Amino acid sequence: MDIEKVGRARLMMRLPRHRKQLSDANFLAITDLLEAYGLAAIKRDELREQPTPDPSILAEYEDLCQKLEDDVIKMIASVSPRMVR
């Protein structure tokens, strides 16, 4: 499984206004964030599917996913168009 692609796809669904930028962005810093988001989102979804998830761990992953989304938005907003494919 390509975790970066998973993260990119999930963020493109989560952040529709930034789909084009997410689709075109291909530089190390963004790919690292996309991979981190993919891993965090998968774990968060696994926790959500549990009958009785640990609320503190679930909240931690919810918070982590939100912070990664915020970081991606900031990075996309500050990146030069030359950094995009």
Protein backbone atom coordinates (compact mmCIF):
# COMPACT_ATOMS: atom_id res chain seq x y z
CA MET A 1 0.00 0.00 0.00
CA ASP A 2 1.34 3.41 -0.96
CA ILE A 3 0.70 5.43 2.19
CA GLU A 4 1.55 8.71 0.46
CA LYS A 5 -1.19 8.09 -2.13
CA VAL A 6 -3.62 7.19 0.64
CA GLY A 7 -2.81 10.43 2.48
CA ARG A 8 -3.05 12.49 -0.71
CA ALA A 9 -6.41 10.97 -1.67
CA ARG A 10 -7.88 11.41 1.79
CA LEU A 11 -6.73 15.01 1.98
CA MET A 12 -8.10 15.72 -1.48
CA MET A 13 -11.50 14.54 -0.24
CA ARG A 14 -11.14 16.37 3.06
CA LEU A 15 -9.89 19.63 1.51
CA PRO A 16 -11.75 20.02 -1.79
CA ARG A 17 -10.64 23.65 -2.28
CA HIS A 18 -7.03 22.44 -2.37
CA ARG A 19 -7.50 19.39 -4.63
CA LYS A 20 -5.56 20.78 -7.57
CA GLN A 21 -2.65 21.89 -5.42
CA LEU A 22 -2.58 18.57 -3.57
CA SER A 23 -2.71 16.69 -6.82
CA ASP A 24 0.17 18.66 -8.33
CA ALA A 25 2.41 19.01 -5.26
CA ASN A 26 5.42 16.76 -5.52
CA PHE A 27 8.29 17.77 -3.25
CA LEU A 28 9.83 16.05 -0.25
CA ALA A 29 8.27 18.14 2.51
CA ILE A 30 4.72 17.67 1.24
CA THR A 31 5.17 13.97 0.50
CA ASP A 32 6.39 13.45 4.06
CA LEU A 33 3.28 15.21 5.40
CA LEU A 34 1.01 13.21 3.09
CA GLU A 35 2.55 9.97 4.30
CA ALA A 36 2.20 11.00 7.94
CA TYR A 37 -1.42 11.97 7.33
CA GLY A 38 -2.12 8.67 5.58
CA LEU A 39 -0.77 6.67 8.52
CA ALA A 40 -2.61 8.79 11.10
CA ALA A 41 -5.90 8.70 9.19
CA ILE A 42 -5.76 4.91 8.79
CA LYS A 43 -5.11 4.45 12.52
CA ARG A 44 -7.85 6.95 13.42
CA ASP A 45 -10.35 5.10 11.23
CA GLU A 46 -9.35 1.76 12.76
CA LEU A 47 -9.97 3.22 16.21
CA ARG A 48 -13.34 4.61 15.13
CA GLU A 49 -14.40 1.15 13.94
CA GLN A 50 -13.70 -0.48 17.31
CA PRO A 51 -16.80 -1.18 19.41
CA THR A 52 -15.38 0.67 22.41
CA PRO A 53 -12.34 2.71 21.40
CA ASP A 54 -10.17 4.34 24.04
CA PRO A 55 -11.48 7.93 23.94
CA SER A 56 -8.12 9.49 24.81
CA ILE A 57 -6.25 7.66 22.05
CA LEU A 58 -8.99 8.40 19.52
CA ALA A 59 -8.91 12.08 20.51
CA GLU A 60 -5.13 12.06 20.11
CA TYR A 61 -5.41 10.75 16.54
CA GLU A 62 -8.25 13.16 15.72
CA ASP A 63 -6.05 16.02 16.92
CA LEU A 64 -3.02 14.71 15.02
CA CYS A 65 -5.00 14.46 11.78
CA GLN A 66 -6.30 18.01 12.22
CA LYS A 67 -2.80 19.36 12.87
CA LEU A 68 -1.45 17.59 9.80
CA GLU A 69 -4.30 19.03 7.70
CA ASP A 70 -3.44 22.50 9.00
CA ASP A 71 0.26 21.96 8.22
CA VAL A 72 -0.52 20.83 4.68
CA ILE A 73 -2.73 23.89 4.07
CA LYS A 74 0.02 26.20 5.37
CA MET A 75 2.64 24.50 3.23
CA ILE A 76 0.52 24.65 0.08
CA ALA A 77 -0.23 28.33 0.70
CA SER A 78 3.43 29.21 1.06
CA VAL A 79 4.94 27.09 -1.70
CA SER A 80 6.21 28.61 -4.90
CA PRO A 81 4.44 27.49 -8.08
CA ARG A 82 7.85 26.25 -9.27
CA MET A 83 7.76 23.58 -6.55
CA VAL A 84 4.65 22.07 -8.08
CA ARG A 85 5.06 19.59 -10.94
